[in-house]
Amino acid sequence: MQMKRNDRNQLPALWCGWDAAKAACDQTVILIKGARAEAMANAAVKYSGRLDRLASHIENEGFSAAEIVELLRQESEHFARAGQGGGL
């Protein structure tokens, strides 16, 4: 007797929840990606505001080129610490 594809037993009951679990995982991944994008957007706005305040400070104080370079280096170090979990 030859068996055809449709003659096979159906998947065991253990696999019945697979689609629901996969859908839940997909939703979780979507939520995580959205949260990450939102966090990155918030960080960009925060850094942009900080750089804008820095530019205003430089302009108001009339810093020399050497002072501006030093200030930018300090801000770079500050951003690096924030990126390592130090916060702004």
PDB file of N, CA and C in Angstrom:
ATOM      1  N   MET A   1       0.845  -1.170   0.000  1.00  0.00           N
ATOM      2  CA  MET A   1       0.000   0.000   0.000  1.00  0.00           C
ATOM      3  C   MET A   1       0.893   1.235   0.000  1.00  0.00           C
ATOM      4  N   GLN A   2       0.592   2.135  -0.864  1.00  0.00           N
ATOM      5  CA  GLN A   2       1.339   3.380  -0.926  1.00  0.00           C
ATOM      6  C   GLN A   2       0.647   4.427  -0.080  1.00  0.00           C
ATOM      7  N   MET A   3       1.474   5.169   0.664  1.00  0.00           N
ATOM      8  CA  MET A   3       0.910   6.260   1.465  1.00  0.00           C
ATOM      9  C   MET A   3       1.031   7.551   0.693  1.00  0.00           C
ATOM     10  N   LYS A   4       0.038   8.318   0.772  1.00  0.00           N
ATOM     11  CA  LYS A   4       0.056   9.643   0.153  1.00  0.00           C
ATOM     12  C   LYS A   4       0.299  10.681   1.236  1.00  0.00           C
ATOM     13  N   ARG A   5       0.613  11.857   0.818  1.00  0.00           N
ATOM     14  CA  ARG A   5       0.903  12.946   1.749  1.00  0.00           C
ATOM     15  C   ARG A   5      -0.247  13.160   2.732  1.00  0.00           C
ATOM     16  N   ASN A   6      -1.455  13.109   2.261  1.00  0.00           N
ATOM     17  CA  ASN A   6      -2.611  13.377   3.110  1.00  0.00           C
ATOM     18  C   ASN A   6      -2.951  12.219   4.046  1.00  0.00           C
ATOM     19  N   ASP A   7      -2.321  11.064   3.852  1.00  0.00           N
ATOM     20  CA  ASP A   7      -2.581   9.913   4.705  1.00  0.00           C
ATOM     21  C   ASP A   7      -1.821   9.989   6.027  1.00  0.00           C
ATOM     22  N   ARG A   8      -0.853  10.877   6.121  1.00  0.00           N
ATOM     23  CA  ARG A   8      -0.065  10.977   7.355  1.00  0.00           C
ATOM     24  C   ARG A   8      -0.932  11.457   8.513  1.00  0.00           C
ATOM     25  N   ASN A   9      -0.516  11.111   9.711  1.00  0.00           N
ATOM     26  CA  ASN A   9      -1.203  11.605  10.899  1.00  0.00           C
ATOM     27  C   ASN A   9      -0.989  13.107  11.011  1.00  0.00           C
ATOM     28  N   GLN A  10      -1.912  13.753  11.577  1.00  0.00           N
ATOM     29  CA  GLN A  10      -1.783  15.189  11.802  1.00  0.00           C
ATOM     30  C   GLN A  10      -0.736  15.423  12.880  1.00  0.00           C
ATOM     31  N   LEU A  11      -0.268  16.637  12.996  1.00  0.00           N
ATOM     32  CA  LEU A  11       0.735  16.981  14.004  1.00  0.00           C
ATOM     33  C   LEU A  11       0.206  16.682  15.399  1.00  0.00           C
ATOM     34  N   PRO A  12       1.045  16.231  16.290  1.00  0.00           N
ATOM     35  CA  PRO A  12       0.593  15.955  17.660  1.00  0.00           C
ATOM     36  C   PRO A  12       0.099  17.230  18.346  1.00  0.00           C
ATOM     37  N   ALA A  13      -0.671  17.038  19.397  1.00  0.00           N
ATOM     38  CA  ALA A  13      -1.272  18.167  20.121  1.00  0.00           C
ATOM     39  C   ALA A  13      -0.217  19.118  20.663  1.00  0.00           C
ATOM     40  N   LEU A  14       0.968  18.616  20.911  1.00  0.00           N
ATOM     41  CA  LEU A  14       2.041  19.441  21.447  1.00  0.00           C
ATOM     42  C   LEU A  14       2.366  20.620  20.518  1.00  0.00           C
ATOM     43  N   TRP A  15       2.181  20.455  19.229  1.00  0.00           N
ATOM     44  CA  TRP A  15       2.508  21.509  18.271  1.00  0.00           C
ATOM     45  C   TRP A  15       1.364  22.506  18.082  1.00  0.00           C
ATOM     46  N   CYS A  16       0.224  22.260  18.647  1.00  0.00           N
ATOM     47  CA  CYS A  16      -0.925  23.133  18.419  1.00  0.00           C
ATOM     48  C   CYS A  16      -0.693  24.566  18.894  1.00  0.00           C
ATOM     49  N   GLY A  17       0.096  24.735  19.961  1.00  0.00           N
ATOM     50  CA  GLY A  17       0.332  26.076  20.483  1.00  0.00           C
ATOM     51  C   GLY A  17       1.479  26.813  19.805  1.00  0.00           C
ATOM     52  N   TRP A  18       2.123  26.190  18.850  1.00  0.00           N
ATOM     53  CA  TRP A  18       3.294  26.779  18.198  1.00  0.00           C
ATOM     54  C   TRP A  18       2.971  28.116  17.537  1.00  0.00           C
ATOM     55  N   ASP A  19       1.867  28.170  16.785  1.00  0.00           N
ATOM     56  CA  ASP A  19       1.516  29.405  16.086  1.00  0.00           C
ATOM     57  C   ASP A  19       1.249  30.543  17.069  1.00  0.00           C
ATOM     58  N   ALA A  20       0.579  30.235  18.162  1.00  0.00           N
ATOM     59  CA  ALA A  20       0.295  31.266  19.162  1.00  0.00           C
ATOM     60  C   ALA A  20       1.587  31.748  19.814  1.00  0.00           C
ATOM     61  N   ALA A  21       2.505  30.828  20.119  1.00  0.00           N
ATOM     62  CA  ALA A  21       3.779  31.208  20.732  1.00  0.00           C
ATOM     63  C   ALA A  21       4.608  32.051  19.771  1.00  0.00           C
ATOM     64  N   LYS A  22       4.613  31.673  18.494  1.00  0.00           N
ATOM     65  CA  LYS A  22       5.364  32.426  17.487  1.00  0.00           C
ATOM     66  C   LYS A  22       4.787  33.833  17.340  1.00  0.00           C
ATOM     67  N   ALA A  23       3.463  33.941  17.338  1.00  0.00           N
ATOM     68  CA  ALA A  23       2.830  35.252  17.228  1.00  0.00           C
ATOM     69  C   ALA A  23       3.180  36.119  18.429  1.00  0.00           C
ATOM     70  N   ALA A  24       3.208  35.540  19.624  1.00  0.00           N
ATOM     71  CA  ALA A  24       3.565  36.293  20.827  1.00  0.00           C
ATOM     72  C   ALA A  24       5.020  36.761  20.750  1.00  0.00           C
ATOM     73  N   CYS A  25       5.911  35.899  20.260  1.00  0.00           N
ATOM     74  CA  CYS A  25       7.320  36.278  20.105  1.00  0.00           C
ATOM     75  C   CYS A  25       7.464  37.399  19.090  1.00  0.00           C
ATOM     76  N   ASP A  26       6.727  37.306  17.988  1.00  0.00           N
ATOM     77  CA  ASP A  26       6.790  38.352  16.966  1.00  0.00           C
ATOM     78  C   ASP A  26       6.337  39.694  17.536  1.00  0.00           C
ATOM     79  N   GLN A  27       5.272  39.677  18.331  1.00  0.00           N
ATOM     80  CA  GLN A  27       4.787  40.914  18.948  1.00  0.00           C
ATOM     81  C   GLN A  27       5.817  41.472  19.925  1.00  0.00           C
ATOM     82  N   THR A  28       6.469  40.597  20.665  1.00  0.00           N
ATOM     83  CA  THR A  28       7.498  41.038  21.616  1.00  0.00           C
ATOM     84  C   THR A  28       8.660  41.694  20.879  1.00  0.00           C
ATOM     85  N   VAL A  29       9.074  41.091  19.786  1.00  0.00           N
ATOM     86  CA  VAL A  29      10.166  41.656  18.991  1.00  0.00           C
ATOM     87  C   VAL A  29       9.774  43.030  18.456  1.00  0.00           C
ATOM     88  N   ILE A  30       8.559  43.177  17.989  1.00  0.00           N
ATOM     89  CA  ILE A  30       8.087  44.462  17.480  1.00  0.00           C
ATOM     90  C   ILE A  30       8.103  45.509  18.592  1.00  0.00           C
ATOM     91  N   LEU A  31       7.634  45.136  19.793  1.00  0.00           N
ATOM     92  CA  LEU A  31       7.631  46.064  20.923  1.00  0.00           C
ATOM     93  C   LEU A  31       9.045  46.474  21.314  1.00  0.00           C
ATOM     94  N   ILE A  32       9.965  45.521  21.332  1.00  0.00           N
ATOM     95  CA  ILE A  32      11.352  45.828  21.703  1.00  0.00           C
ATOM     96  C   ILE A  32      11.982  46.755  20.673  1.00  0.00           C
ATOM     97  N   LYS A  33      11.754  46.483  19.393  1.00  0.00           N
ATOM     98  CA  LYS A  33      12.303  47.349  18.346  1.00  0.00           C
ATOM     99  C   LYS A  33      11.736  48.765  18.457  1.00  0.00           C
ATOM    100  N   GLY A  34      10.453  48.863  18.737  1.00  0.00           N
ATOM    101  CA  GLY A  34       9.829  50.178  18.893  1.00  0.00           C
ATOM    102  C   GLY A  34      10.389  50.926  20.093  1.00  0.00           C
ATOM    103  N   ALA A  35      10.580  50.224  21.201  1.00  0.00           N
ATOM    104  CA  ALA A  35      11.136  50.853  22.406  1.00  0.00           C
ATOM    105  C   ALA A  35      12.563  51.315  22.155  1.00  0.00           C
ATOM    106  N   ARG A  36      13.327  50.508  21.428  1.00  0.00           N
ATOM    107  CA  ARG A  36      14.708  50.886  21.131  1.00  0.00           C
ATOM    108  C   ARG A  36      14.756  52.118  20.234  1.00  0.00           C
ATOM    109  N   ALA A  37      13.904  52.154  19.219  1.00  0.00           N
ATOM    110  CA  ALA A  37      13.858  53.313  18.324  1.00  0.00           C
ATOM    111  C   ALA A  37      13.458  54.568  19.087  1.00  0.00           C
ATOM    112  N   GLU A  38      12.500  54.430  19.998  1.00  0.00           N
ATOM    113  CA  GLU A  38      12.063  55.564  20.808  1.00  0.00           C
ATOM    114  C   GLU A  38      13.180  56.046  21.726  1.00  0.00           C
ATOM    115  N   ALA A  39      13.904  55.119  22.326  1.00  0.00           N
ATOM    116  CA  ALA A  39      15.019  55.489  23.206  1.00  0.00           C
ATOM    117  C   ALA A  39      16.115  56.207  22.430  1.00  0.00           C
ATOM    118  N   MET A  40      16.400  55.722  21.232  1.00  0.00           N
ATOM    119  CA  MET A  40      17.430  56.369  20.415  1.00  0.00           C
ATOM    120  C   MET A  40      16.991  57.764  19.985  1.00  0.00           C
ATOM    121  N   ALA A  41      15.727  57.925  19.666  1.00  0.00           N
ATOM    122  CA  ALA A  41      15.215  59.242  19.291  1.00  0.00           C
ATOM    123  C   ALA A  41      15.294  60.205  20.479  1.00  0.00           C
ATOM    124  N   ASN A  42      14.954  59.715  21.672  1.00  0.00           N
ATOM    125  CA  ASN A  42      15.050  60.558  22.873  1.00  0.00           C
ATOM    126  C   ASN A  42      16.491  60.959  23.150  1.00  0.00           C
ATOM    127  N   ALA A  43      17.420  60.021  22.982  1.00  0.00           N
ATOM    128  CA  ALA A  43      18.839  60.325  23.196  1.00  0.00           C
ATOM    129  C   ALA A  43      19.320  61.361  22.190  1.00  0.00           C
ATOM    130  N   ALA A  44      18.886  61.239  20.944  1.00  0.00           N
ATOM    131  CA  ALA A  44      19.298  62.200  19.913  1.00  0.00           C
ATOM    132  C   ALA A  44      18.805  63.603  20.247  1.00  0.00           C
ATOM    133  N   VAL A  45      17.570  63.710  20.722  1.00  0.00           N
ATOM    134  CA  VAL A  45      17.023  65.023  21.095  1.00  0.00           C
ATOM    135  C   VAL A  45      17.805  65.598  22.279  1.00  0.00           C
ATOM    136  N   LYS A  46      18.114  64.733  23.236  1.00  0.00           N
ATOM    137  CA  LYS A  46      18.863  65.167  24.419  1.00  0.00           C
ATOM    138  C   LYS A  46      20.253  65.672  24.038  1.00  0.00           C
ATOM    139  N   TYR A  47      20.961  64.918  23.197  1.00  0.00           N
ATOM    140  CA  TYR A  47      22.300  65.316  22.770  1.00  0.00           C
ATOM    141  C   TYR A  47      22.252  66.577  21.911  1.00  0.00           C
ATOM    142  N   SER A  48      21.240  66.682  21.076  1.00  0.00           N
ATOM    143  CA  SER A  48      21.092  67.861  20.228  1.00  0.00           C
ATOM    144  C   SER A  48      20.916  69.111  21.084  1.00  0.00           C
ATOM    145  N   GLY A  49      20.086  69.035  22.100  1.00  0.00           N
ATOM    146  CA  GLY A  49      19.885  70.167  23.002  1.00  0.00           C
ATOM    147  C   GLY A  49      21.160  70.533  23.736  1.00  0.00           C
ATOM    148  N   ARG A  50      21.898  69.505  24.146  1.00  0.00           N
ATOM    149  CA  ARG A  50      23.165  69.760  24.852  1.00  0.00           C
ATOM    150  C   ARG A  50      24.164  70.468  23.939  1.00  0.00           C
ATOM    151  N   LEU A  51      24.268  70.005  22.696  1.00  0.00           N
ATOM    152  CA  LEU A  51      25.181  70.652  21.743  1.00  0.00           C
ATOM    153  C   LEU A  51      24.743  72.075  21.425  1.00  0.00           C
ATOM    154  N   ASP A  52      23.443  72.300  21.351  1.00  0.00           N
ATOM    155  CA  ASP A  52      22.937  73.649  21.092  1.00  0.00           C
ATOM    156  C   ASP A  52      23.299  74.588  22.246  1.00  0.00           C
ATOM    157  N   ARG A  53      23.130  74.106  23.488  1.00  0.00           N
ATOM    158  CA  ARG A  53      23.511  74.929  24.642  1.00  0.00           C
ATOM    159  C   ARG A  53      25.017  75.189  24.660  1.00  0.00           C
ATOM    160  N   LEU A  54      25.789  74.196  24.271  1.00  0.00           N
ATOM    161  CA  LEU A  54      27.242  74.345  24.199  1.00  0.00           C
ATOM    162  C   LEU A  54      27.624  75.408  23.165  1.00  0.00           C
ATOM    163  N   ALA A  55      26.987  75.370  22.009  1.00  0.00           N
ATOM    164  CA  ALA A  55      27.267  76.356  20.961  1.00  0.00           C
ATOM    165  C   ALA A  55      26.911  77.764  21.442  1.00  0.00           C
ATOM    166  N   SER A  56      25.787  77.904  22.129  1.00  0.00           N
ATOM    167  CA  SER A  56      25.396  79.218  22.662  1.00  0.00           C
ATOM    168  C   SER A  56      26.416  79.705  23.693  1.00  0.00           C
ATOM    169  N   HIS A  57      26.872  78.807  24.548  1.00  0.00           N
ATOM    170  CA  HIS A  57      27.862  79.159  25.568  1.00  0.00           C
ATOM    171  C   HIS A  57      29.168  79.632  24.906  1.00  0.00           C
ATOM    172  N   ILE A  58      29.598  78.906  23.879  1.00  0.00           N
ATOM    173  CA  ILE A  58      30.823  79.277  23.160  1.00  0.00           C
ATOM    174  C   ILE A  58      30.669  80.660  22.531  1.00  0.00           C
ATOM    175  N   GLU A  59      29.521  80.885  21.923  1.00  0.00           N
ATOM    176  CA  GLU A  59      29.269  82.168  21.261  1.00  0.00           C
ATOM    177  C   GLU A  59      29.228  83.312  22.272  1.00  0.00           C
ATOM    178  N   ASN A  60      28.530  83.107  23.394  1.00  0.00           N
ATOM    179  CA  ASN A  60      28.386  84.163  24.394  1.00  0.00           C
ATOM    180  C   ASN A  60      29.706  84.495  25.081  1.00  0.00           C
ATOM    181  N   GLU A  61      30.542  83.506  25.295  1.00  0.00           N
ATOM    182  CA  GLU A  61      31.802  83.714  26.007  1.00  0.00           C
ATOM    183  C   GLU A  61      32.938  84.138  25.079  1.00  0.00           C
ATOM    184  N   GLY A  62      32.757  83.967  23.769  1.00  0.00           N
ATOM    185  CA  GLY A  62      33.792  84.357  22.824  1.00  0.00           C
ATOM    186  C   GLY A  62      35.062  83.528  22.968  1.00  0.00           C
ATOM    187  N   PHE A  63      34.910  82.218  23.070  1.00  0.00           N
ATOM    188  CA  PHE A  63      36.065  81.324  23.251  1.00  0.00           C
ATOM    189  C   PHE A  63      36.994  81.350  22.042  1.00  0.00           C
ATOM    190  N   SER A  64      38.274  81.107  22.306  1.00  0.00           N
ATOM    191  CA  SER A  64      39.252  80.966  21.224  1.00  0.00           C
ATOM    192  C   SER A  64      39.115  79.562  20.634  1.00  0.00           C
ATOM    193  N   ALA A  65      39.791  79.339  19.507  1.00  0.00           N
ATOM    194  CA  ALA A  65      39.725  78.034  18.846  1.00  0.00           C
ATOM    195  C   ALA A  65      40.245  76.928  19.769  1.00  0.00           C
ATOM    196  N   ALA A  66      41.324  77.188  20.486  1.00  0.00           N
ATOM    197  CA  ALA A  66      41.893  76.180  21.387  1.00  0.00           C
ATOM    198  C   ALA A  66      40.918  75.847  22.516  1.00  0.00           C
ATOM    199  N   GLU A  67      40.235  76.870  23.048  1.00  0.00           N
ATOM    200  CA  GLU A  67      39.254  76.635  24.118  1.00  0.00           C
ATOM    201  C   GLU A  67      38.059  75.839  23.600  1.00  0.00           C
ATOM    202  N   ILE A  68      37.656  76.120  22.374  1.00  0.00           N
ATOM    203  CA  ILE A  68      36.528  75.390  21.777  1.00  0.00           C
ATOM    204  C   ILE A  68      36.892  73.922  21.592  1.00  0.00           C
ATOM    205  N   VAL A  69      38.117  73.682  21.096  1.00  0.00           N
ATOM    206  CA  VAL A  69      38.570  72.299  20.903  1.00  0.00           C
ATOM    207  C   VAL A  69      38.587  71.560  22.240  1.00  0.00           C
ATOM    208  N   GLU A  70      39.093  72.188  23.272  1.00  0.00           N
ATOM    209  CA  GLU A  70      39.146  71.554  24.592  1.00  0.00           C
ATOM    210  C   GLU A  70      37.733  71.275  25.113  1.00  0.00           C
ATOM    211  N   LEU A  71      36.841  72.219  24.934  1.00  0.00           N
ATOM    212  CA  LEU A  71      35.457  72.036  25.371  1.00  0.00           C
ATOM    213  C   LEU A  71      34.796  70.878  24.622  1.00  0.00           C
ATOM    214  N   LEU A  72      35.059  70.789  23.323  1.00  0.00           N
ATOM    215  CA  LEU A  72      34.508  69.686  22.534  1.00  0.00           C
ATOM    216  C   LEU A  72      35.070  68.342  22.996  1.00  0.00           C
ATOM    217  N   ARG A  73      36.340  68.310  23.358  1.00  0.00           N
ATOM    218  CA  ARG A  73      36.924  67.066  23.876  1.00  0.00           C
ATOM    219  C   ARG A  73      36.261  66.659  25.188  1.00  0.00           C
ATOM    220  N   GLN A  74      36.007  67.638  26.044  1.00  0.00           N
ATOM    221  CA  GLN A  74      35.337  67.346  27.310  1.00  0.00           C
ATOM    222  C   GLN A  74      33.932  66.806  27.068  1.00  0.00           C
ATOM    223  N   GLU A  75      33.225  67.400  26.116  1.00  0.00           N
ATOM    224  CA  GLU A  75      31.874  66.926  25.797  1.00  0.00           C
ATOM    225  C   GLU A  75      31.922  65.521  25.207  1.00  0.00           C
ATOM    226  N   SER A  76      32.927  65.245  24.393  1.00  0.00           N
ATOM    227  CA  SER A  76      33.087  63.916  23.824  1.00  0.00           C
ATOM    228  C   SER A  76      33.278  62.882  24.932  1.00  0.00           C
ATOM    229  N   GLU A  77      34.102  63.199  25.909  1.00  0.00           N
ATOM    230  CA  GLU A  77      34.308  62.297  27.043  1.00  0.00           C
ATOM    231  C   GLU A  77      33.009  62.106  27.827  1.00  0.00           C
ATOM    232  N   HIS A  78      32.273  63.200  27.967  1.00  0.00           N
ATOM    233  CA  HIS A  78      30.995  63.139  28.684  1.00  0.00           C
ATOM    234  C   HIS A  78      30.018  62.210  27.953  1.00  0.00           C
ATOM    235  N   PHE A  79      29.946  62.323  26.619  1.00  0.00           N
ATOM    236  CA  PHE A  79      29.069  61.459  25.832  1.00  0.00           C
ATOM    237  C   PHE A  79      29.508  60.007  25.933  1.00  0.00           C
ATOM    238  N   ALA A  80      30.824  59.778  25.938  1.00  0.00           N
ATOM    239  CA  ALA A  80      31.333  58.404  26.043  1.00  0.00           C
ATOM    240  C   ALA A  80      30.936  57.797  27.382  1.00  0.00           C
ATOM    241  N   ARG A  81      31.032  58.575  28.466  1.00  0.00           N
ATOM    242  CA  ARG A  81      30.613  58.069  29.778  1.00  0.00           C
ATOM    243  C   ARG A  81      29.116  57.777  29.802  1.00  0.00           C
ATOM    244  N   ALA A  82      28.345  58.651  29.157  1.00  0.00           N
ATOM    245  CA  ALA A  82      26.886  58.444  29.115  1.00  0.00           C
ATOM    246  C   ALA A  82      26.566  57.177  28.332  1.00  0.00           C
ATOM    247  N   GLY A  83      27.316  56.912  27.280  1.00  0.00           N
ATOM    248  CA  GLY A  83      27.091  55.714  26.482  1.00  0.00           C
ATOM    249  C   GLY A  83      27.443  54.437  27.217  1.00  0.00           C
ATOM    250  N   GLN A  84      28.270  54.548  28.253  1.00  0.00           N
ATOM    251  CA  GLN A  84      28.655  53.384  29.029  1.00  0.00           C
ATOM    252  C   GLN A  84      27.761  53.226  30.263  1.00  0.00           C
ATOM    253  N   GLY A  85      26.672  53.974  30.297  1.00  0.00           N
ATOM    254  CA  GLY A  85      25.723  53.831  31.399  1.00  0.00           C
ATOM    255  C   GLY A  85      25.869  54.879  32.485  1.00  0.00           C
ATOM    256  N   GLY A  86      26.707  55.872  32.243  1.00  0.00           N
ATOM    257  CA  GLY A  86      26.920  56.903  33.249  1.00  0.00           C
ATOM    258  C   GLY A  86      25.834  57.942  33.298  1.00  0.00           C
ATOM    259  N   GLY A  87      25.005  58.027  32.282  1.00  0.00           N
ATOM    260  CA  GLY A  87      23.948  59.025  32.229  1.00  0.00           C
ATOM    261  C   GLY A  87      24.484  60.397  31.906  1.00  0.00           C
ATOM    262  N   LEU A  88      23.566  61.261  31.532  1.00  0.00           N
ATOM    263  CA  LEU A  88      23.949  62.634  31.223  1.00  0.00           C
ATOM    264  C   LEU A  88      23.721  63.464  32.448  1.00  0.00           C
TER     265      LEU A  88
END
